[in-house]
Amino acid sequence: MKRTRDTTEQIIEKLRQVDVVVGNGLKIPELCKMLRITEQTYNRWRQTYGGIVPEMTRQLRALEK
């Protein structure tokens, strides 16, 4: 089964879900298994997209064009 890449918006939405679930007591390794990502991917996403809100991604894409 081939895995497709997540868009920036999808990554940001997953990170927001992680924040909510971690606040309720679930551990990061368990959550990564649920999202079907590695902890390394989670940490890279957190470092890259941690402070971005979805509206900012649209602005960045417009600037790149």
Protein backbone atom coordinates (compact mmCIF):
# COMPACT_ATOMS: atom_id res chain seq x y z
CA MET A 1 0.00 0.00 0.00
CA LYS A 2 1.47 3.32 -1.07
CA ARG A 3 1.34 6.15 1.43
CA THR A 4 0.44 9.59 0.13
CA ARG A 5 2.04 12.70 1.52
CA ASP A 6 0.02 14.88 3.84
CA THR A 7 -0.60 18.48 2.84
CA THR A 8 0.48 21.29 5.13
CA GLU A 9 -3.13 21.83 6.20
CA GLN A 10 -3.50 18.14 7.08
CA ILE A 11 -0.28 18.19 9.10
CA ILE A 12 -1.37 21.25 11.06
CA GLU A 13 -4.77 19.68 11.75
CA LYS A 14 -3.10 16.49 13.02
CA LEU A 15 -0.82 18.52 15.29
CA ARG A 16 -3.85 20.32 16.73
CA GLN A 17 -5.51 16.94 17.38
CA VAL A 18 -2.34 15.78 19.14
CA ASP A 19 -2.44 18.83 21.42
CA VAL A 20 -6.02 18.09 22.43
CA VAL A 21 -5.48 14.38 23.04
CA VAL A 22 -2.20 14.88 24.92
CA GLY A 23 -4.04 17.34 27.15
CA ASN A 24 -6.44 14.53 28.01
CA GLY A 25 -3.60 12.23 29.10
CA LEU A 26 -2.66 10.10 26.08
CA LYS A 27 1.08 9.62 25.50
CA ILE A 28 2.87 10.69 22.32
CA PRO A 29 4.00 7.16 21.25
CA GLU A 30 0.42 5.87 21.49
CA LEU A 31 -0.86 8.83 19.54
CA CYS A 32 1.74 8.36 16.79
CA LYS A 33 0.52 4.80 16.33
CA MET A 34 -3.04 6.07 15.96
CA LEU A 35 -1.96 8.64 13.35
CA ARG A 36 0.24 6.03 11.61
CA ILE A 37 3.36 8.16 11.83
CA THR A 38 6.69 7.65 13.55
CA GLU A 39 7.77 9.68 16.54
CA GLN A 40 10.55 11.09 14.38
CA THR A 41 7.96 12.37 11.89
CA TYR A 42 5.92 13.86 14.72
CA ASN A 43 8.96 15.69 16.09
CA ARG A 44 9.91 16.99 12.62
CA TRP A 45 6.34 18.20 12.02
CA ARG A 46 6.26 19.84 15.46
CA GLN A 47 9.54 21.64 14.76
CA THR A 48 8.48 22.78 11.29
CA TYR A 49 4.76 23.48 11.67
CA GLY A 50 4.32 23.82 15.43
CA GLY A 51 3.40 27.50 15.57
CA ILE A 52 1.59 27.83 12.25
CA VAL A 53 -2.17 28.31 12.00
CA PRO A 54 -4.01 27.14 8.85
CA GLU A 55 -4.53 30.69 7.57
CA MET A 56 -0.77 31.24 7.52
CA THR A 57 -0.24 28.30 5.16
CA ARG A 58 -2.50 29.91 2.57
CA GLN A 59 -0.56 33.16 2.87
CA LEU A 60 2.77 31.36 2.50
CA ARG A 61 1.56 29.56 -0.60
CA ALA A 62 0.40 32.85 -2.11
CA LEU A 63 3.77 34.44 -1.41
CA GLU A 64 5.59 31.54 -3.01
CA LYS A 65 3.60 31.98 -6.23
